[in-house]
Each structure stands twice: as structure tokens, then as C-alpha cells.
Amino acid sequence: MPARADFLVIGGGLAGLTFALHAARHGTVLVLTKAAESASDKAQGGIASVVSEDDSFEAHQEDTLQSGAGLCHPEVVRTCIQAGPGSISELIQLGVPFSRVNHDENAAFDLGREGGHSRRRVLHAGDFTGHEIMQALTQAAEHEPNVRIVENQLAVNLILGTPRGGRPGRICRGVYALDRATGSIDSILGRSTVLATGGTGKVYAYTSNPDVATGDGIAMAYRAGAEIANLEFVQFHPTCLYHPHAKAFLLSEAMRGEGGRLRRADGSEFLKEYDRRGSLATRDIVARAIDFELKKSGDDYVLLDMSAVDADYLRERFPNIHRRCLSLGLDMTRQPLPVVPAAHYFCGGVRTDLRGRSSVPGLYAIGEVACTGFHGANRLASNSLLEAVVFGHLAATDAIEWSGSAPTIDSDPLPWDIGDAVDSDESVVVSQNWNEIRRFMSNYVGIVRSDKRLERATRRIDMIREEIHEYYWNFILTSDLVELRNIATVANLIIHSAHLRKESRGLHYNLDHPEPENHRFRKDTLIRRSLSGDPRPSSFDLPYDWQ
């Protein structure tokens, strides 16, 4: 018999655990995680919310809309931002120790400011905010009897079923999951299935994301027929430490908010040449400026200079970053740090409504895997943790209602059938294809694109996907093969989305179309799988009156 729960959550980051804790009050929750790590745990900067008398919902909304370059959904922006203070209160009740101006627990919050924000509104816990939040939520989940977390499980495909009684359409019933320790694949069912699988940074050669960020949720949802939106908008974090032993260690945007300056190798500043806000410009502008400078100079990196900030304050404000840099022989209180942009966050994903519902009944998407309309064409710094908490709650509320009235299915899904597949003795095929995808995605579909680069990427992904398809059906599944298949699927969708947007907007910059075009392209890019298995000719959707 398949394992069952009222609520099945794929992913144990901030969004997934928030959903689990709310849903557990109304039924059993099974959380499947691929590994103990998550992008949520690595978040340094913090969570943006209006908690200061000097701030306002209107100001936060305006900053978000401006950053989103015309593609944010205003209703979603209002909902998320107005829910912010309540979400912060919930996190504090769970034990998250947000930093305050002194050590008094009743003192005002020590609010940071990051690129694109007109006010100080970023709550943080030192420079390891995500870790502190995840510790608090994990402990709460472990003490919740209705929540069960099972690690080392890699979701392979969503399970769809036809409702009993001849009702039209198909609904999501759960997933086939690969046990990474034993290699077995089992069906796991839920009355509601929630994708909280995070992002897809590993599709690029250089990323701030953990190794688990292989686009599993987007790829599975696409194969199940769900709508995918805005995958051309890939956010590159401007400042990842450039060091052979750092493994893309992120240098928080809050460092620039506290007075850090980006400089060329000769020490000259350059960002004011691209934006009047200088080092406090939004991430798309800063990353693109660095990319232009490096291509022009031939240098491997630019410099993040913190010399204008008091050394004692730096050590207190960024203790984790300071210790990590010291371990690599770099002292940010005395010397500038070498930095490069790295793939960081996907503004696109599984398209959802304001309740986290995808276009497939019974399937929800929350966190980075989702495209809610909050971030538009460029995410405002520290808005991602806010979205994860708010939509984790909103989706749980809706899933509770759905689970009470969801249509029943006549029979259990068939067991996973390996057919004539055999164990592979050519794992080099997987590693070769993986590396090739990451290289050409970085070179052709990175910070700056062109029509010719996208055409080259299309030819390469078509050949690789054909090879992966043959390999997938001939050999017994492994974790690496499942992830490679997902990476290739998402790479194809990113390329396809970028081809369609014949303009430059937010995170999508095309040398052949350098200006935004509001008449045709101030809309979401939508993709849904056709019966042939390839993306059908995509459409643009305009769900709101933008005037």
C-alpha cells in the first residue's frame, strides 16, 4: 500500500515548513526532503517587512513594484506586504532571534537596508538569518505530532488521477519518490500535494544555491501539464566571493547597504555610471554592470570595498561572513574582497494564484518554485523570505478547504515499473551532459543574452535532451540521472521563455532588443506542455489592468 497523508509537502525549506505547521492543525503532514540543506538555511540578508514607524506599506509596495519592472501583480504585492508584520510576529513566537539595536529583547529591531529599498526594513539575525529561522521552524515541526519529515527522498514524477464519477479533468494525487539510500521508487499520496522544492541555480556553472537546487519541482509540474511562468527572469546575485575554495560563498547585499562600494581592479567606482543609486541599485542593474565591466576589462572579478565602514561594526554585523573570509585568508576590515555575479534566484516558476494553487487541481506551489506575481521581472532584495512565509500560510488555508472536499479516485496508482531498464555502466554520460548544460547556459543564457546566443543554446539543449531521453528509459534511475533530466527540462524552458521576450526588462537583457516594450511585452510569459512533450507556442497573459 502507498504511504499516505492528508498533506504531502515536497521540500523542507521555509515555505514547506511554514505550510506544514499551519496544515498540521487540521490533519497529517508528510514532508519529503532530498537532503538536509536548503536555500532558506543559507539566506544571509534577512526578511523585508514594515515594522518601523519611519516606514509604510505604501513605500514597501512602491519599492517592490519599481524593482519588478512592470510585471508585479499589484494585488499579490499588497497582500504579501500587508501580511508582513503578522508573519514576523509568528516567527518571533517560534523563537527566531532577530537582531535588535541593543541586547534588550524589547529594544527596536536593528533594521538593514539593501539595494532597491527606500527605507531600512530588513530584519536580520546577524548575517545568518535563514539559519536561525530554519532552526526555529525545524524544532517546531519536530515537536508537532502531525508532522513527519522523511529525508533522502527525491520526487521523480507527480501522480495524476481521474476523479470518480466521470468528473472532467485530472487531479494531483502525490508523487513517485526515489529513496536515495536504497534506490527504491514508491508512490506517496496526499489529498493535497505541495511543491516547495526551491530553485534551479544548478542549471548554471556558478551559483549561490545549494547542490539540491536542480529544478525538480518546476520540471515535474511542467511534465504534469501545469502552467509555468516567467522563467526568463533569472536573478544573479552581484556579489559572490571569488575564491577557489569558497564554493560560491555569498556576500550579503546588506554589506552594500551598510556602506560597501564596488570598485574596478584599479580602485575606481563604476556603478554611478550605470545608475544614480550607485551600489544601492537593484540587483539586475548591479549584476549587469559587473558583467559589462568584466567583459570590457578581461578581469576575473571586481572588488567589494568595506573600508568606509568601522571595523568593529563589520565584525559585529557580519560575524559569519567575516569568519568565513578570514578562513580563506581575506580580512574584509583591511582589504577589498573579490566578487562575481552568480545565479541566485528564479523569479519565474510554477504559476499560482493568490492561494498558492497551480493550474493542476490538488497541486500547490510555494516559495522559489512558484511564480506568484510578487517579484515581477526582478525580485527586490529580502522579499523572498517574506513571500515564502506568507504563501506558506495562504496555501495551507486553501489546502485545508480542498482536502475536505477533494474528489475521490477509483484506484491506487500502479507501482513504479522499471521495464527493461538495467544498471548503467556509463555514468560519464550524466556528468558530461550536466557540465555541458551548465557551461552553455552561463555563456548564452546568462546575465546578458542575444538572439544568436539563444539560438545556439536551443541547438545544444535539443541534442542533449534527446540523449538524456534515451538514457533515461534504458537505465535504472539514480539520483544523478533524475536531477540531470530535470536540469535539462528547466534549461529548455528558460531558453524558450527568453526567445519569446523580444525586449529587455528586469533580469532579462537582450543585446538585440535593449529597451522594454510595454505594448506587447508588459505581460507574463506562460508555457504549458503540449501532447508532443515540447513547450507549445507560449502565450502572454495580462491578468491585471496596468494603466
Protein backbone atom coordinates (compact mmCIF):
# COMPACT_ATOMS: atom_id res chain seq x y z
CA MET A 1 0.00 0.00 0.00
CA PRO A 2 1.28 3.52 -0.79
CA ALA A 3 2.22 5.84 2.05
CA ARG A 4 -0.46 8.46 2.63
CA ALA A 5 -1.01 11.78 4.37
CA ASP A 6 -3.63 14.48 4.32
CA PHE A 7 -0.98 16.94 3.13
CA LEU A 8 2.12 15.91 1.17
CA VAL A 9 4.90 18.54 1.06
CA ILE A 10 7.89 18.16 -1.26
CA GLY A 11 10.70 20.23 0.23
CA GLY A 12 11.63 21.22 3.76
CA GLY A 13 12.72 24.85 3.43
CA LEU A 14 11.00 27.90 4.86
CA ALA A 15 7.90 27.73 2.65
CA GLY A 16 7.43 23.98 3.11
CA LEU A 17 7.76 24.01 6.90
CA THR A 18 5.54 27.08 7.22
CA PHE A 19 2.85 25.23 5.28
CA ALA A 20 3.38 22.09 7.35
CA LEU A 21 3.00 23.84 10.72
CA HIS A 22 -0.26 25.53 9.68
CA ALA A 23 -1.73 22.46 7.96
CA ALA A 24 -0.84 20.17 10.89
CA ARG A 25 -3.65 21.71 12.93
CA HIS A 26 -6.11 20.05 10.54
CA GLY A 27 -4.51 16.75 9.50
CA THR A 28 -1.39 14.68 8.97
CA VAL A 29 1.53 16.21 7.08
CA LEU A 30 4.31 14.26 5.39
CA VAL A 31 7.36 16.34 4.37
CA LEU A 32 9.77 14.76 1.89
CA THR A 33 13.23 16.31 1.65
CA LYS A 34 16.04 15.47 -0.72
CA ALA A 35 18.75 16.49 1.74
CA ALA A 36 19.16 18.39 4.97
CA GLU A 37 20.32 21.57 3.18
CA SER A 38 18.14 24.26 1.66
CA ALA A 39 18.49 27.72 0.17
CA SER A 40 16.40 29.07 3.07
CA ASP A 41 19.08 27.98 5.52
CA LYS A 42 21.76 29.88 3.60
CA ALA A 43 19.88 33.20 3.44
CA GLN A 44 22.09 35.89 4.98
CA GLY A 45 20.46 39.27 4.46
CA GLY A 46 17.08 38.89 6.13
CA ILE A 47 13.36 39.31 5.62
CA ALA A 48 11.80 42.59 4.48
CA SER A 49 8.77 43.89 6.36
CA VAL A 50 7.25 47.16 7.51
CA VAL A 51 7.90 47.28 11.26
CA SER A 52 9.28 50.80 11.71
CA GLU A 53 7.29 53.99 12.25
CA ASP A 54 9.51 55.57 9.58
CA ASP A 55 8.25 53.07 7.02
CA SER A 56 4.89 52.35 5.38
CA PHE A 57 3.13 49.65 3.39
CA GLU A 58 2.87 52.10 0.51
CA ALA A 59 6.64 52.68 0.45
CA HIS A 60 7.43 48.96 0.52
CA GLN A 61 4.87 48.32 -2.21
CA GLU A 62 6.29 51.08 -4.39
CA ASP A 63 9.86 49.75 -3.99
CA THR A 64 8.67 46.24 -4.92
CA LEU A 65 6.74 47.45 -7.96
CA GLN A 66 9.63 49.56 -9.17
CA SER A 67 12.06 46.68 -8.80
CA GLY A 68 9.66 44.33 -10.62
CA ALA A 69 9.85 46.46 -13.80
CA GLY A 70 6.13 46.45 -14.57
CA LEU A 71 5.40 42.73 -14.12
CA CYS A 72 4.48 42.52 -10.43
CA HIS A 73 0.83 41.68 -9.76
CA PRO A 74 -0.34 44.59 -7.58
CA GLU A 75 -2.88 42.56 -5.59
CA VAL A 76 -0.21 39.98 -4.70
CA VAL A 77 2.23 42.73 -3.72
CA ARG A 78 -0.33 44.34 -1.41
CA THR A 79 -1.28 41.01 0.17
CA CYS A 80 2.30 39.94 0.88
CA ILE A 81 3.47 43.27 2.24
CA GLN A 82 0.45 43.85 4.45
CA ALA A 83 0.82 40.34 5.86
CA GLY A 84 4.46 41.03 6.71
CA PRO A 85 4.18 42.27 10.31
CA GLY A 86 1.95 39.32 11.25
CA SER A 87 4.42 36.90 9.69
CA ILE A 88 7.28 38.48 11.64
CA SER A 89 5.28 38.09 14.87
CA GLU A 90 4.76 34.38 14.11
CA LEU A 91 8.48 33.86 13.54
CA ILE A 92 9.32 35.63 16.79
CA GLN A 93 6.83 33.42 18.65
CA LEU A 94 8.62 30.41 17.20
CA GLY A 95 11.86 31.71 18.68
CA VAL A 96 13.64 33.49 15.81
CA PRO A 97 16.12 35.91 17.46
CA PHE A 98 16.01 38.91 15.15
CA SER A 99 18.82 41.37 15.90
CA ARG A 100 17.93 44.48 17.89
CA VAL A 101 19.74 47.79 18.41
CA ASN A 102 20.99 46.52 21.77
CA HIS A 103 20.73 43.29 23.73
CA ASP A 104 17.39 44.22 25.34
CA GLU A 105 14.68 41.90 23.92
CA ASN A 106 12.25 44.85 23.96
CA ALA A 107 14.58 47.16 22.03
CA ALA A 108 13.83 48.24 18.47
CA PHE A 109 14.87 45.95 15.65
CA ASP A 110 18.25 46.60 14.05
CA LEU A 111 16.90 47.09 10.54
CA GLY A 112 19.12 46.77 7.49
CA ARG A 113 18.79 48.42 4.10
CA GLU A 114 19.52 46.70 0.81
CA GLY A 115 19.53 47.59 -2.87
CA GLY A 116 16.21 48.93 -4.15
CA HIS A 117 14.79 49.71 -0.69
CA SER A 118 14.00 53.32 0.13
CA ARG A 119 13.86 52.58 3.89
CA ARG A 120 15.59 50.40 6.45
CA ARG A 121 13.16 47.48 6.71
CA VAL A 122 15.22 44.28 6.55
CA LEU A 123 15.02 42.27 9.76
CA HIS A 124 18.00 40.01 10.27
CA ALA A 125 19.63 37.71 12.79
CA GLY A 126 23.26 38.70 12.41
CA ASP A 127 24.26 37.57 8.94
CA PHE A 128 22.80 34.06 9.23
CA THR A 129 19.11 34.93 9.27
CA GLY A 130 18.00 31.95 7.23
CA HIS A 131 19.78 29.52 9.52
CA GLU A 132 18.15 30.96 12.62
CA ILE A 133 14.69 30.89 11.01
CA MET A 134 15.13 27.31 9.81
CA GLN A 135 16.33 26.16 13.21
CA ALA A 136 13.22 27.60 14.84
CA LEU A 137 10.83 26.08 12.28
CA THR A 138 12.57 22.70 12.28
CA GLN A 139 12.34 22.46 16.06
CA ALA A 140 8.65 23.40 15.92
CA ALA A 141 7.99 20.77 13.25
CA GLU A 142 9.84 18.08 15.20
CA HIS A 143 7.59 18.75 18.22
CA GLU A 144 4.41 18.70 16.12
CA PRO A 145 2.91 15.18 16.29
CA ASN A 146 1.03 15.60 13.00
CA VAL A 147 4.21 16.42 11.04
CA ARG A 148 6.57 13.71 9.82
CA ILE A 149 9.77 14.64 7.94
CA VAL A 150 11.43 11.96 5.80
CA GLU A 151 14.88 12.80 4.40
CA ASN A 152 16.79 11.42 1.42
CA GLN A 153 13.68 11.29 -0.78
CA LEU A 154 13.85 12.61 -4.35
CA ALA A 155 10.49 13.18 -6.04
CA VAL A 156 10.61 11.79 -9.59
CA ASN A 157 7.17 12.45 -11.08
CA LEU A 158 3.81 13.72 -9.93
CA ILE A 159 0.95 11.21 -9.82
CA LEU A 160 -2.24 12.28 -11.59
CA GLY A 161 -5.63 10.61 -11.36
CA THR A 162 -9.11 10.91 -12.84
CA PRO A 163 -11.84 11.78 -10.32
CA ARG A 164 -14.50 9.16 -9.57
CA GLY A 165 -17.92 9.61 -11.12
CA GLY A 166 -16.79 10.81 -14.50
CA ARG A 167 -15.86 14.32 -13.36
CA PRO A 168 -13.74 16.05 -16.04
CA GLY A 169 -10.03 16.74 -15.71
CA ARG A 170 -7.19 15.20 -13.75
CA ILE A 171 -6.07 15.97 -10.23
CA CYS A 172 -2.72 15.61 -8.48
CA ARG A 173 -2.62 12.72 -6.02
CA GLY A 174 1.01 12.65 -4.90
CA VAL A 175 4.43 11.66 -6.20
CA TYR A 176 6.65 8.77 -7.10
CA ALA A 177 9.71 9.23 -4.87
CA LEU A 178 13.19 7.73 -5.14
CA ASP A 179 14.77 6.68 -1.86
CA ARG A 180 18.33 7.85 -2.41
CA ALA A 181 19.70 5.35 0.11
CA THR A 182 18.05 2.18 -1.23
CA GLY A 183 17.25 3.09 -4.84
CA SER A 184 13.62 2.01 -4.50
CA ILE A 185 10.82 4.11 -6.02
CA ASP A 186 7.50 4.23 -4.20
CA SER A 187 4.21 6.06 -4.64
CA ILE A 188 3.36 8.51 -1.86
CA LEU A 189 -0.12 10.01 -1.80
CA GLY A 190 -1.69 13.15 -0.32
CA ARG A 191 -5.10 14.76 -0.62
CA SER A 192 -3.10 17.91 -1.31
CA THR A 193 0.39 17.94 -2.83
CA VAL A 194 2.63 20.95 -2.23
CA LEU A 195 5.75 21.76 -4.22
CA ALA A 196 8.24 23.62 -2.05
CA THR A 197 11.35 22.41 -3.87
CA GLY A 198 13.19 25.72 -4.21
CA GLY A 199 15.09 26.99 -7.21
CA THR A 200 17.20 25.89 -10.14
CA GLY A 201 20.59 27.54 -9.66
CA LYS A 202 22.49 24.39 -10.58
CA VAL A 203 21.48 24.90 -14.22
CA TYR A 204 24.29 27.50 -14.27
CA ALA A 205 28.03 26.98 -13.81
CA TYR A 206 28.34 29.47 -10.97
CA THR A 207 25.59 29.73 -8.39
CA SER A 208 24.98 30.65 -4.77
CA ASN A 209 22.45 27.82 -4.50
CA PRO A 210 22.99 24.53 -2.65
CA ASP A 211 23.54 21.35 -4.65
CA VAL A 212 19.87 20.34 -4.25
CA ALA A 213 18.67 23.27 -6.42
CA THR A 214 18.10 21.26 -9.60
CA GLY A 215 14.65 22.49 -10.62
CA ASP A 216 12.81 19.30 -9.62
CA GLY A 217 9.51 20.98 -8.80
CA ILE A 218 9.32 23.07 -11.97
CA ALA A 219 10.24 20.09 -14.15
CA MET A 220 7.70 17.76 -12.52
CA ALA A 221 4.93 20.35 -12.68
CA TYR A 222 5.66 21.01 -16.35
CA ARG A 223 5.53 17.30 -17.16
CA ALA A 224 2.18 17.11 -15.34
CA GLY A 225 0.73 19.88 -17.51
CA ALA A 226 0.90 22.80 -15.06
CA GLU A 227 1.42 26.32 -16.36
CA ILE A 228 4.95 27.68 -15.98
CA ALA A 229 5.54 31.43 -15.97
CA ASN A 230 8.39 33.92 -16.46
CA LEU A 231 11.38 31.57 -16.45
CA GLU A 232 13.42 34.06 -18.47
CA PHE A 233 13.87 36.14 -15.29
CA VAL A 234 16.88 34.62 -13.53
CA GLN A 235 18.36 36.78 -10.80
CA PHE A 236 22.13 36.78 -10.48
CA HIS A 237 23.38 37.90 -7.09
CA PRO A 238 26.03 40.55 -7.78
CA THR A 239 28.46 39.60 -5.03
CA CYS A 240 29.57 36.02 -4.61
CA LEU A 241 33.07 35.61 -3.25
CA TYR A 242 35.55 34.73 -5.98
CA HIS A 243 37.83 32.15 -4.44
CA PRO A 244 38.78 28.58 -5.50
CA HIS A 245 37.80 27.17 -2.10
CA ALA A 246 34.71 29.28 -1.36
CA LYS A 247 32.19 27.27 -3.42
CA ALA A 248 30.24 30.41 -4.35
CA PHE A 249 30.03 31.81 -0.84
CA LEU A 250 27.52 34.65 -0.85
CA LEU A 251 28.44 38.13 0.38
CA SER A 252 25.17 39.62 1.58
CA GLU A 253 23.67 42.57 -0.24
CA ALA A 254 23.37 44.12 3.21
CA MET A 255 27.12 44.77 3.03
CA ARG A 256 26.45 47.38 0.35
CA GLY A 257 23.53 48.63 2.39
CA GLU A 258 25.92 49.32 5.25
CA GLY A 259 28.35 51.31 3.08
CA GLY A 260 30.22 48.83 0.89
CA ARG A 261 31.32 50.03 -2.54
CA LEU A 262 32.01 48.10 -5.71
CA ARG A 263 35.24 49.02 -7.50
CA ARG A 264 37.25 48.05 -10.54
CA ALA A 265 40.65 46.40 -10.08
CA ASP A 266 42.26 49.86 -10.26
CA GLY A 267 40.14 51.02 -7.30
CA SER A 268 37.74 53.27 -9.23
CA GLU A 269 33.99 53.08 -8.58
CA PHE A 270 31.78 52.38 -11.58
CA LEU A 271 28.15 51.84 -10.56
CA LYS A 272 27.22 55.54 -10.66
CA GLU A 273 27.92 55.28 -14.39
CA TYR A 274 25.02 52.81 -14.65
CA ASP A 275 22.54 54.05 -12.02
CA ARG A 276 22.27 57.14 -9.85
CA ARG A 277 21.81 54.92 -6.77
CA GLY A 278 25.30 53.53 -7.24
CA SER A 279 25.97 50.48 -5.09
CA LEU A 280 22.38 50.57 -3.79
CA ALA A 281 20.85 49.97 -7.22
CA THR A 282 18.70 46.87 -7.69
CA ARG A 283 20.34 43.52 -8.31
CA ASP A 284 19.61 43.33 -12.02
CA ILE A 285 21.39 46.63 -12.65
CA VAL A 286 24.36 45.83 -10.40
CA ALA A 287 24.90 42.33 -11.81
CA ARG A 288 24.66 43.58 -15.39
CA ALA A 289 27.09 46.43 -14.66
CA ILE A 290 29.63 43.99 -13.23
CA ASP A 291 29.18 41.70 -16.24
CA PHE A 292 29.81 44.60 -18.63
CA GLU A 293 32.89 45.71 -16.67
CA LEU A 294 34.41 42.23 -16.62
CA LYS A 295 33.83 41.69 -20.33
CA LYS A 296 35.38 45.09 -21.05
CA SER A 297 38.43 44.67 -18.81
CA GLY A 298 39.01 40.94 -19.13
CA ASP A 299 39.35 40.72 -15.35
CA ASP A 300 38.02 37.74 -13.43
CA TYR A 301 36.32 39.78 -10.71
CA VAL A 302 35.56 43.22 -9.29
CA LEU A 303 36.16 44.35 -5.72
CA LEU A 304 33.76 44.90 -2.81
CA ASP A 305 35.37 47.53 -0.62
CA MET A 306 34.16 47.82 3.01
CA SER A 307 36.89 50.22 4.16
CA ALA A 308 34.42 53.08 4.75
CA VAL A 309 32.68 51.03 7.48
CA ASP A 310 34.01 50.81 11.05
CA ALA A 311 35.93 47.54 11.50
CA ASP A 312 34.37 46.69 14.87
CA TYR A 313 30.91 47.24 13.45
CA LEU A 314 31.70 45.00 10.47
CA ARG A 315 32.77 42.16 12.74
CA GLU A 316 29.61 42.53 14.83
CA ARG A 317 27.18 43.00 11.93
CA PHE A 318 28.60 40.27 9.68
CA PRO A 319 30.24 37.73 12.00
CA ASN A 320 29.68 34.70 9.80
CA ILE A 321 30.94 36.40 6.63
CA HIS A 322 33.92 37.81 8.49
CA ARG A 323 34.90 34.39 9.89
CA ARG A 324 34.47 32.65 6.55
CA CYS A 325 36.58 35.23 4.73
CA LEU A 326 39.30 35.01 7.39
CA SER A 327 39.40 31.24 6.95
CA LEU A 328 40.24 31.89 3.28
CA GLY A 329 42.95 34.44 4.11
CA LEU A 330 40.79 37.51 3.46
CA ASP A 331 40.13 40.22 6.06
CA MET A 332 37.30 42.47 4.88
CA THR A 333 38.17 45.08 7.53
CA ARG A 334 41.56 45.58 5.85
CA GLN A 335 41.23 44.61 2.19
CA PRO A 336 38.62 44.60 -0.59
CA LEU A 337 37.02 41.28 -1.43
CA PRO A 338 36.98 39.77 -4.96
CA VAL A 339 33.40 39.18 -6.14
CA VAL A 340 31.49 37.97 -9.21
CA PRO A 341 27.78 37.58 -10.00
CA ALA A 342 26.26 34.10 -9.58
CA ALA A 343 22.87 32.58 -10.40
CA HIS A 344 20.84 33.14 -7.27
CA TYR A 345 17.05 33.26 -7.58
CA PHE A 346 14.33 32.41 -10.11
CA CYS A 347 11.51 34.95 -10.31
CA GLY A 348 9.60 32.55 -12.55
CA GLY A 349 8.26 29.10 -11.75
CA VAL A 350 5.04 27.18 -11.41
CA ARG A 351 2.28 29.71 -11.98
CA THR A 352 -0.04 30.07 -8.99
CA ASP A 353 -2.93 32.20 -7.84
CA LEU A 354 -3.16 34.18 -4.61
CA ARG A 355 -3.75 30.96 -2.66
CA GLY A 356 -0.76 29.07 -3.99
CA ARG A 357 -2.87 26.91 -6.32
CA SER A 358 -1.33 25.76 -9.59
CA SER A 359 -3.36 25.11 -12.74
CA VAL A 360 -3.49 21.40 -11.80
CA PRO A 361 -6.18 20.76 -9.15
CA GLY A 362 -4.76 19.48 -5.89
CA LEU A 363 -1.24 20.77 -6.67
CA TYR A 364 0.17 23.81 -4.84
CA ALA A 365 3.48 25.60 -5.30
CA ILE A 366 5.10 27.89 -2.73
CA GLY A 367 8.47 29.54 -2.27
CA GLU A 368 11.02 29.90 -5.06
CA VAL A 369 9.49 27.09 -7.14
CA ALA A 370 6.37 29.23 -7.61
CA CYS A 371 5.62 32.28 -9.72
CA THR A 372 3.04 34.18 -7.68
CA GLY A 373 3.43 37.57 -9.36
CA PHE A 374 5.08 39.10 -6.29
CA HIS A 375 8.56 39.58 -7.77
CA GLY A 376 7.72 40.54 -11.34
CA ALA A 377 10.77 40.80 -13.61
CA ASN A 378 13.24 41.34 -10.76
CA ARG A 379 12.97 40.41 -7.09
CA LEU A 380 13.51 43.14 -4.52
CA ALA A 381 16.15 42.08 -2.00
CA SER A 382 14.88 40.15 1.06
CA ASN A 383 11.34 39.86 -0.32
CA SER A 384 11.77 36.11 -0.94
CA LEU A 385 11.63 35.02 2.71
CA LEU A 386 8.56 37.20 3.18
CA GLU A 387 6.83 35.55 0.20
CA ALA A 388 7.72 32.07 1.48
CA VAL A 389 6.14 32.66 4.88
CA VAL A 390 3.04 34.45 3.58
CA PHE A 391 2.28 31.93 0.82
CA GLY A 392 3.08 29.00 3.09
CA HIS A 393 0.22 30.22 5.27
CA LEU A 394 -2.14 31.14 2.40
CA ALA A 395 -1.65 27.80 0.65
CA ALA A 396 -2.22 25.87 3.88
CA THR A 397 -5.51 27.67 4.44
CA ASP A 398 -6.70 26.77 0.95
CA ALA A 399 -5.38 23.19 1.06
CA ILE A 400 -7.30 22.58 4.28
CA GLU A 401 -10.51 23.51 2.44
CA TRP A 402 -9.55 21.45 -0.63
CA SER A 403 -8.69 18.37 1.40
CA GLY A 404 -12.13 18.40 2.96
CA SER A 405 -13.89 18.34 -0.39
CA ALA A 406 -11.38 16.88 -2.86
CA PRO A 407 -12.84 14.34 -5.30
CA THR A 408 -12.00 10.69 -4.67
CA ILE A 409 -10.11 8.42 -7.07
CA ASP A 410 -11.24 4.93 -8.05
CA SER A 411 -7.94 3.11 -7.56
CA ASP A 412 -4.40 3.43 -6.26
CA PRO A 413 -1.64 4.28 -8.74
CA LEU A 414 0.28 1.46 -10.38
CA PRO A 415 3.64 0.54 -8.82
CA TRP A 416 6.72 2.03 -10.46
CA ASP A 417 7.73 -0.20 -13.38
CA ILE A 418 11.39 -0.27 -14.45
CA GLY A 419 10.53 -2.23 -17.61
CA ASP A 420 13.70 -3.47 -19.35
CA ALA A 421 15.97 -0.88 -17.75
CA VAL A 422 19.35 -2.07 -16.47
CA ASP A 423 22.07 -0.61 -14.28
CA SER A 424 24.23 1.90 -16.12
CA ASP A 425 27.95 1.43 -16.55
CA GLU A 426 28.38 4.81 -18.30
CA SER A 427 27.80 7.42 -15.61
CA VAL A 428 30.20 9.67 -17.50
CA VAL A 429 27.27 10.44 -19.82
CA VAL A 430 25.43 12.08 -16.92
CA SER A 431 28.38 14.19 -15.74
CA GLN A 432 29.31 15.22 -19.29
CA ASN A 433 25.80 16.40 -20.14
CA TRP A 434 25.41 18.14 -16.79
CA ASN A 435 28.64 20.11 -17.28
CA GLU A 436 27.80 21.00 -20.89
CA ILE A 437 24.37 22.35 -19.93
CA ARG A 438 25.81 24.50 -17.16
CA ARG A 439 28.51 25.91 -19.45
CA PHE A 440 26.31 26.92 -22.36
CA MET A 441 23.55 28.25 -20.08
CA SER A 442 26.11 30.52 -18.42
CA ASN A 443 27.61 31.65 -21.73
CA TYR A 444 24.44 32.01 -23.80
CA VAL A 445 21.51 32.46 -21.38
CA GLY A 446 23.19 34.31 -18.52
CA ILE A 447 23.11 37.92 -17.41
CA VAL A 448 23.32 39.26 -20.98
CA ARG A 449 21.71 37.43 -23.93
CA SER A 450 21.30 37.88 -27.67
CA ASP A 451 19.17 36.23 -30.33
CA LYS A 452 22.21 34.41 -31.70
CA ARG A 453 23.26 33.14 -28.27
CA LEU A 454 19.74 31.86 -27.61
CA GLU A 455 19.69 30.06 -30.98
CA ARG A 456 22.97 28.35 -30.12
CA ALA A 457 21.60 27.33 -26.73
CA THR A 458 18.48 25.92 -28.40
CA ARG A 459 20.50 23.69 -30.73
CA ARG A 460 22.58 22.34 -27.88
CA ILE A 461 19.72 21.67 -25.48
CA ASP A 462 17.77 19.86 -28.21
CA MET A 463 20.64 17.43 -28.80
CA ILE A 464 21.27 16.87 -25.10
CA ARG A 465 17.60 16.30 -24.28
CA GLU A 466 17.38 13.63 -26.96
CA GLU A 467 20.41 11.87 -25.50
CA ILE A 468 19.06 12.13 -21.95
CA HIS A 469 15.66 10.80 -23.05
CA GLU A 470 17.24 7.65 -24.47
CA TYR A 471 19.46 7.20 -21.43
CA TYR A 472 16.55 7.76 -19.01
CA TRP A 473 14.45 4.92 -20.42
CA ASN A 474 17.30 2.44 -20.89
CA PHE A 475 18.81 2.55 -17.41
CA ILE A 476 17.59 2.20 -13.84
CA LEU A 477 17.05 5.58 -12.24
CA THR A 478 19.64 7.16 -9.98
CA SER A 479 19.50 10.48 -8.19
CA ASP A 480 22.02 11.97 -10.64
CA LEU A 481 20.00 10.88 -13.67
CA VAL A 482 16.73 12.26 -12.28
CA GLU A 483 18.38 15.59 -11.50
CA LEU A 484 20.03 15.76 -14.93
CA ARG A 485 16.69 15.19 -16.62
CA ASN A 486 15.17 18.00 -14.54
CA ILE A 487 18.05 20.38 -15.22
CA ALA A 488 17.70 19.77 -18.96
CA THR A 489 13.94 20.32 -18.81
CA VAL A 490 14.26 23.62 -16.97
CA ALA A 491 17.12 24.79 -19.20
CA ASN A 492 14.91 24.19 -22.21
CA LEU A 493 12.06 26.18 -20.64
CA ILE A 494 14.37 29.09 -19.74
CA ILE A 495 15.71 29.25 -23.29
CA HIS A 496 12.21 29.02 -24.76
CA SER A 497 10.91 31.81 -22.49
CA ALA A 498 13.88 34.05 -23.27
CA HIS A 499 13.35 33.53 -27.02
CA LEU A 500 9.79 34.80 -26.73
CA ARG A 501 10.55 38.05 -24.92
CA LYS A 502 11.85 40.36 -27.66
CA GLU A 503 12.73 43.19 -25.30
CA SER A 504 14.89 43.88 -22.25
CA ARG A 505 13.11 44.08 -18.90
CA GLY A 506 14.32 43.48 -15.37
CA LEU A 507 16.54 40.43 -15.25
CA HIS A 508 16.14 39.64 -18.95
CA TYR A 509 18.59 41.68 -21.04
CA ASN A 510 18.90 41.01 -24.78
CA LEU A 511 21.53 42.92 -26.76
CA ASP A 512 19.34 42.76 -29.88
CA HIS A 513 16.33 44.24 -28.05
CA PRO A 514 17.86 46.58 -25.43
CA GLU A 515 14.72 48.53 -24.49
CA PRO A 516 11.48 47.48 -22.74
CA GLU A 517 8.38 47.39 -24.91
CA ASN A 518 5.22 47.92 -22.88
CA HIS A 519 2.78 47.49 -25.73
CA ARG A 520 3.50 43.81 -26.40
CA PHE A 521 5.59 42.52 -23.52
CA ARG A 522 4.39 44.02 -20.27
CA LYS A 523 2.86 40.64 -19.56
CA ASP A 524 3.71 37.27 -18.07
CA THR A 525 5.27 34.60 -20.27
CA LEU A 526 3.27 31.37 -19.97
CA ILE A 527 4.30 27.87 -21.02
CA ARG A 528 2.37 24.63 -20.81
CA ARG A 529 3.43 21.23 -22.09
CA SER A 530 1.84 20.08 -25.35
CA LEU A 531 0.83 16.48 -26.03
CA SER A 532 4.06 16.04 -28.01
CA GLY A 533 6.08 16.77 -24.88
CA ASP A 534 7.59 20.05 -26.08
CA PRO A 535 6.58 23.54 -24.99
CA ARG A 536 3.61 24.64 -27.03
CA PRO A 537 3.78 28.11 -28.59
CA SER A 538 3.69 30.18 -25.45
CA SER A 539 1.29 32.98 -24.70
CA PHE A 540 1.48 36.20 -22.78
CA ASP A 541 -1.03 36.82 -20.08
CA LEU A 542 -2.19 40.18 -18.75
CA PRO A 543 -4.18 39.41 -15.60
CA TYR A 544 -4.44 42.96 -14.28
CA ASP A 545 -5.19 46.41 -15.62
CA TRP A 546 -1.73 48.00 -15.61
CA GLN A 547 -2.87 51.51 -16.51
